[in-house]
């Protein structure tokens, strides 16, 4: 059975610049600058990216940032904790939208 996500597709990410090279160059410049050492270390940024990758549920990003985390010196405990943080934020974001549901319920129940 074939799968929608193919791990070989990640290597073709650069193809997205073929028909919009100026935009692709701008994206790459910004992306690379974002992950340079700054107030946060490269390891910290990789852990954040790994958490976001899980929250967005991007298998390509999960693969890439898992590898990057390991290369930057993170261990499985740290990576797992980053994923739990992302899951907690995503869960909280879903729950807080319940306030909207409750407001709407109060309006409709009047």
N, C-alpha and C. Protein backbone atom coordinates (compact mmCIF):
# COMPACT_ATOMS: atom_id res chain seq x y z
N UNK A 1 0.85 -1.18 0.00
CA UNK A 1 0.00 0.00 0.00
C UNK A 1 0.88 1.23 0.00
N UNK A 2 0.57 2.19 -0.83
CA UNK A 2 1.34 3.42 -0.84
C UNK A 2 0.82 4.36 0.25
N UNK A 3 1.68 5.28 0.64
CA UNK A 3 1.34 6.24 1.68
C UNK A 3 1.37 7.64 1.10
N UNK A 4 0.53 8.49 1.64
CA UNK A 4 0.46 9.86 1.17
C UNK A 4 1.80 10.57 1.41
N UNK A 5 2.34 10.38 2.60
CA UNK A 5 3.63 10.99 2.94
C UNK A 5 4.75 10.02 2.59
N UNK A 6 5.69 10.49 1.83
CA UNK A 6 6.84 9.69 1.41
C UNK A 6 8.08 10.38 1.94
N UNK A 7 8.87 9.70 2.74
CA UNK A 7 10.03 10.35 3.35
C UNK A 7 11.02 10.88 2.32
N UNK A 8 10.98 10.38 1.11
CA UNK A 8 11.85 10.89 0.06
C UNK A 8 11.40 12.26 -0.45
N UNK A 9 10.13 12.61 -0.19
CA UNK A 9 9.63 13.91 -0.64
C UNK A 9 10.33 15.07 0.07
N UNK A 10 10.79 14.85 1.29
CA UNK A 10 11.47 15.92 2.02
C UNK A 10 12.67 16.43 1.25
N UNK A 11 13.36 15.55 0.57
CA UNK A 11 14.53 15.95 -0.21
C UNK A 11 14.14 16.80 -1.42
N UNK A 12 12.87 16.80 -1.75
CA UNK A 12 12.39 17.59 -2.89
C UNK A 12 11.78 18.93 -2.46
N UNK A 13 11.95 19.28 -1.21
CA UNK A 13 11.39 20.53 -0.69
C UNK A 13 11.87 21.73 -1.51
N UNK A 14 13.12 21.70 -1.93
CA UNK A 14 13.68 22.78 -2.73
C UNK A 14 12.97 23.01 -4.06
N UNK A 15 12.25 22.01 -4.53
CA UNK A 15 11.50 22.17 -5.78
C UNK A 15 10.46 23.28 -5.67
N UNK A 16 10.08 23.64 -4.45
CA UNK A 16 9.08 24.68 -4.26
C UNK A 16 9.59 26.04 -4.73
N UNK A 17 10.88 26.15 -4.98
CA UNK A 17 11.43 27.41 -5.46
C UNK A 17 11.48 27.53 -6.97
N UNK A 18 11.14 26.48 -7.68
CA UNK A 18 11.27 26.48 -9.14
C UNK A 18 10.48 27.59 -9.83
N UNK A 19 9.26 27.80 -9.42
CA UNK A 19 8.41 28.76 -10.12
C UNK A 19 8.29 30.10 -9.40
N UNK A 20 8.96 30.21 -8.27
CA UNK A 20 8.96 31.46 -7.51
C UNK A 20 10.31 31.61 -6.82
N UNK A 21 11.40 31.68 -7.61
CA UNK A 21 12.74 31.68 -7.00
C UNK A 21 12.99 32.84 -6.06
N UNK A 22 12.45 34.01 -6.34
CA UNK A 22 12.67 35.14 -5.44
C UNK A 22 12.03 34.91 -4.08
N UNK A 23 10.81 34.39 -4.08
CA UNK A 23 10.13 34.10 -2.81
C UNK A 23 10.84 32.98 -2.06
N UNK A 24 11.27 31.98 -2.79
CA UNK A 24 11.97 30.85 -2.18
C UNK A 24 13.26 31.33 -1.52
N UNK A 25 13.99 32.21 -2.19
CA UNK A 25 15.24 32.74 -1.64
C UNK A 25 14.96 33.54 -0.37
N UNK A 26 13.92 34.35 -0.39
CA UNK A 26 13.56 35.13 0.80
C UNK A 26 13.19 34.20 1.96
N UNK A 27 12.40 33.17 1.65
CA UNK A 27 12.02 32.22 2.69
C UNK A 27 13.27 31.56 3.27
N UNK A 28 14.16 31.09 2.43
CA UNK A 28 15.36 30.40 2.90
C UNK A 28 16.25 31.32 3.74
N UNK A 29 16.42 32.56 3.31
CA UNK A 29 17.23 33.51 4.08
C UNK A 29 16.64 33.71 5.47
N UNK A 30 15.32 33.91 5.51
CA UNK A 30 14.65 34.13 6.79
C UNK A 30 14.71 32.87 7.65
N UNK A 31 14.45 31.72 7.05
CA UNK A 31 14.45 30.45 7.77
C UNK A 31 15.82 30.18 8.39
N UNK A 32 16.87 30.36 7.59
CA UNK A 32 18.22 30.12 8.09
C UNK A 32 18.59 31.10 9.19
N UNK A 33 18.21 32.35 9.04
CA UNK A 33 18.50 33.36 10.06
C UNK A 33 17.78 33.03 11.37
N UNK A 34 16.57 32.53 11.25
CA UNK A 34 15.78 32.19 12.43
C UNK A 34 16.47 31.15 13.29
N UNK A 35 17.14 30.21 12.67
CA UNK A 35 17.73 29.10 13.43
C UNK A 35 19.20 29.31 13.78
N UNK A 36 19.72 30.51 13.55
CA UNK A 36 21.07 30.83 13.99
C UNK A 36 21.06 31.00 15.52
N UNK A 37 22.19 30.74 16.13
CA UNK A 37 22.32 30.96 17.57
C UNK A 37 21.98 32.42 17.87
N UNK A 38 21.26 32.64 18.92
CA UNK A 38 20.90 33.99 19.34
C UNK A 38 20.65 33.95 20.84
N UNK A 39 19.55 34.54 21.26
CA UNK A 39 19.18 34.46 22.68
C UNK A 39 18.88 33.02 23.07
N UNK A 40 18.45 32.25 22.10
CA UNK A 40 18.23 30.82 22.31
C UNK A 40 19.33 30.06 21.58
N UNK A 41 19.73 28.96 22.17
CA UNK A 41 20.74 28.11 21.53
C UNK A 41 20.12 27.36 20.36
N UNK A 42 20.95 26.82 19.50
CA UNK A 42 20.46 26.00 18.41
C UNK A 42 19.72 24.78 18.91
N UNK A 43 20.17 24.21 20.02
CA UNK A 43 19.50 23.05 20.61
C UNK A 43 18.11 23.43 21.10
N UNK A 44 18.00 24.57 21.77
CA UNK A 44 16.70 25.02 22.25
C UNK A 44 15.74 25.28 21.09
N UNK A 45 16.25 25.91 20.05
CA UNK A 45 15.41 26.19 18.87
C UNK A 45 14.95 24.90 18.21
N UNK A 46 15.83 23.91 18.16
CA UNK A 46 15.46 22.63 17.56
C UNK A 46 14.38 21.93 18.38
N UNK A 47 14.46 22.01 19.70
CA UNK A 47 13.43 21.42 20.55
C UNK A 47 12.09 22.13 20.36
N UNK A 48 12.12 23.46 20.25
CA UNK A 48 10.89 24.21 19.98
C UNK A 48 10.31 23.76 18.64
N UNK A 49 11.16 23.68 17.63
CA UNK A 49 10.71 23.28 16.30
C UNK A 49 10.12 21.87 16.33
N UNK A 50 10.72 20.99 17.09
CA UNK A 50 10.20 19.63 17.20
C UNK A 50 8.80 19.64 17.82
N UNK A 51 8.61 20.42 18.87
CA UNK A 51 7.29 20.54 19.49
C UNK A 51 6.26 21.09 18.52
N UNK A 52 6.64 22.15 17.80
CA UNK A 52 5.72 22.75 16.81
C UNK A 52 5.41 21.75 15.71
N UNK A 53 6.40 21.00 15.27
CA UNK A 53 6.19 19.99 14.23
C UNK A 53 5.13 18.99 14.65
N UNK A 54 5.16 18.61 15.93
CA UNK A 54 4.15 17.68 16.42
C UNK A 54 2.79 18.36 16.54
N UNK A 55 2.76 19.60 16.99
CA UNK A 55 1.48 20.31 17.11
C UNK A 55 0.84 20.49 15.74
N UNK A 56 1.67 20.73 14.72
CA UNK A 56 1.16 20.89 13.36
C UNK A 56 0.96 19.55 12.66
N UNK A 57 1.49 18.50 13.24
CA UNK A 57 1.39 17.13 12.73
C UNK A 57 1.98 17.00 11.33
N UNK A 58 3.18 17.55 11.15
CA UNK A 58 3.89 17.46 9.88
C UNK A 58 4.93 16.35 9.96
N UNK A 59 4.70 15.22 9.31
CA UNK A 59 5.66 14.11 9.42
C UNK A 59 7.04 14.46 8.88
N UNK A 60 7.10 15.31 7.84
CA UNK A 60 8.40 15.71 7.31
C UNK A 60 9.17 16.51 8.36
N UNK A 61 8.46 17.44 9.00
CA UNK A 61 9.09 18.26 10.03
C UNK A 61 9.50 17.43 11.24
N UNK A 62 8.65 16.49 11.62
CA UNK A 62 8.98 15.62 12.76
C UNK A 62 10.26 14.86 12.47
N UNK A 63 10.38 14.29 11.27
CA UNK A 63 11.61 13.57 10.91
C UNK A 63 12.82 14.49 10.94
N UNK A 64 12.69 15.64 10.28
CA UNK A 64 13.83 16.56 10.16
C UNK A 64 14.24 17.10 11.53
N UNK A 65 13.28 17.51 12.35
CA UNK A 65 13.63 18.11 13.63
C UNK A 65 14.03 17.07 14.67
N UNK A 66 13.55 15.85 14.55
CA UNK A 66 14.06 14.78 15.43
C UNK A 66 15.55 14.59 15.19
N UNK A 67 15.92 14.52 13.93
CA UNK A 67 17.33 14.37 13.59
C UNK A 67 18.14 15.58 14.06
N UNK A 68 17.61 16.77 13.82
CA UNK A 68 18.32 17.99 14.22
C UNK A 68 18.51 18.05 15.73
N UNK A 69 17.48 17.67 16.47
CA UNK A 69 17.59 17.66 17.93
C UNK A 69 18.72 16.74 18.38
N UNK A 70 18.77 15.56 17.81
CA UNK A 70 19.83 14.61 18.17
C UNK A 70 21.20 15.17 17.80
N UNK A 71 21.30 15.78 16.63
CA UNK A 71 22.58 16.34 16.19
C UNK A 71 23.01 17.52 17.06
N UNK A 72 22.04 18.23 17.65
CA UNK A 72 22.36 19.37 18.51
C UNK A 72 22.57 18.96 19.96
N UNK A 73 22.50 17.66 20.24
CA UNK A 73 22.83 17.17 21.58
C UNK A 73 21.65 16.91 22.50
N UNK A 74 20.43 16.98 21.97
CA UNK A 74 19.27 16.67 22.81
C UNK A 74 19.17 15.17 22.99
N UNK A 75 18.52 14.77 24.07
CA UNK A 75 18.30 13.35 24.29
C UNK A 75 16.81 13.05 24.20
N UNK A 76 16.48 11.78 24.24
CA UNK A 76 15.09 11.36 24.06
C UNK A 76 14.18 11.92 25.16
N UNK A 77 14.69 12.04 26.39
CA UNK A 77 13.87 12.61 27.46
C UNK A 77 13.49 14.06 27.14
N UNK A 78 14.45 14.85 26.68
CA UNK A 78 14.19 16.25 26.35
C UNK A 78 13.23 16.36 25.17
N UNK A 79 13.45 15.54 24.18
CA UNK A 79 12.60 15.57 22.99
C UNK A 79 11.17 15.17 23.34
N UNK A 80 11.03 14.14 24.18
CA UNK A 80 9.70 13.70 24.59
C UNK A 80 9.00 14.78 25.39
N UNK A 81 9.74 15.46 26.25
CA UNK A 81 9.15 16.54 27.04
C UNK A 81 8.70 17.69 26.13
N UNK A 82 9.47 17.99 25.11
CA UNK A 82 9.09 19.04 24.16
C UNK A 82 7.78 18.68 23.46
N UNK A 83 7.63 17.41 23.12
CA UNK A 83 6.39 16.96 22.47
C UNK A 83 5.22 17.08 23.44
N UNK A 84 5.43 16.75 24.70
CA UNK A 84 4.37 16.87 25.70
C UNK A 84 3.98 18.34 25.90
N UNK A 85 4.95 19.23 25.90
CA UNK A 85 4.64 20.66 26.02
C UNK A 85 3.76 21.10 24.85
N UNK A 86 4.14 20.70 23.64
CA UNK A 86 3.36 21.06 22.46
C UNK A 86 1.95 20.49 22.54
N UNK A 87 1.83 19.25 22.99
CA UNK A 87 0.52 18.62 23.10
C UNK A 87 -0.34 19.33 24.15
N UNK A 88 0.27 19.74 25.24
CA UNK A 88 -0.48 20.46 26.29
C UNK A 88 -0.98 21.80 25.77
N UNK A 89 -0.15 22.51 25.04
CA UNK A 89 -0.57 23.80 24.48
C UNK A 89 -1.69 23.58 23.46
N UNK A 90 -1.54 22.58 22.62
CA UNK A 90 -2.58 22.30 21.62
C UNK A 90 -3.89 21.91 22.31
N UNK A 91 -3.80 21.08 23.34
CA UNK A 91 -4.99 20.69 24.08
C UNK A 91 -5.65 21.87 24.77
N UNK A 92 -4.83 22.73 25.38
CA UNK A 92 -5.36 23.92 26.03
C UNK A 92 -6.03 24.86 25.04
N UNK A 93 -5.42 24.99 23.86
CA UNK A 93 -5.99 25.85 22.83
C UNK A 93 -7.35 25.31 22.37
N UNK A 94 -7.48 23.99 22.30
CA UNK A 94 -8.77 23.41 21.93
C UNK A 94 -9.79 23.65 23.04
N UNK A 95 -9.38 23.45 24.28
CA UNK A 95 -10.30 23.61 25.39
C UNK A 95 -10.75 25.06 25.56
N UNK A 96 -9.86 26.01 25.39
CA UNK A 96 -10.24 27.41 25.60
C UNK A 96 -11.29 27.85 24.59
N UNK A 97 -11.34 27.18 23.43
CA UNK A 97 -12.39 27.49 22.47
C UNK A 97 -13.76 27.05 22.99
N UNK A 98 -13.75 26.23 24.04
CA UNK A 98 -15.00 25.87 24.69
C UNK A 98 -15.69 27.08 25.30
N UNK A 99 -14.94 28.12 25.63
CA UNK A 99 -15.54 29.36 26.13
C UNK A 99 -16.46 29.94 25.07
N UNK A 100 -16.02 29.90 23.81
CA UNK A 100 -16.84 30.38 22.71
C UNK A 100 -18.13 29.57 22.61
N UNK A 101 -18.01 28.26 22.76
CA UNK A 101 -19.18 27.38 22.72
C UNK A 101 -20.14 27.74 23.85
N UNK A 102 -19.60 27.99 25.03
CA UNK A 102 -20.43 28.31 26.18
C UNK A 102 -21.14 29.66 25.99
N UNK A 103 -20.42 30.62 25.41
CA UNK A 103 -21.04 31.92 25.13
C UNK A 103 -22.19 31.75 24.13
N UNK A 104 -21.94 30.98 23.10
CA UNK A 104 -22.97 30.75 22.07
C UNK A 104 -24.15 30.01 22.66
N UNK A 105 -23.88 29.04 23.50
CA UNK A 105 -24.94 28.29 24.16
C UNK A 105 -25.81 29.23 25.01
N UNK A 106 -25.18 30.14 25.72
CA UNK A 106 -25.94 31.09 26.55
C UNK A 106 -26.81 31.97 25.68
N UNK A 107 -26.31 32.38 24.52
CA UNK A 107 -27.10 33.23 23.60
C UNK A 107 -28.30 32.47 23.05
N UNK A 108 -28.08 31.22 22.67
CA UNK A 108 -29.13 30.43 22.05
C UNK A 108 -30.16 29.92 23.06
N UNK A 109 -29.76 29.82 24.29
CA UNK A 109 -30.64 29.27 25.32
C UNK A 109 -31.56 30.34 25.92
N UNK A 110 -31.34 31.58 25.58
CA UNK A 110 -32.15 32.65 26.16
C UNK A 110 -33.56 32.62 25.68
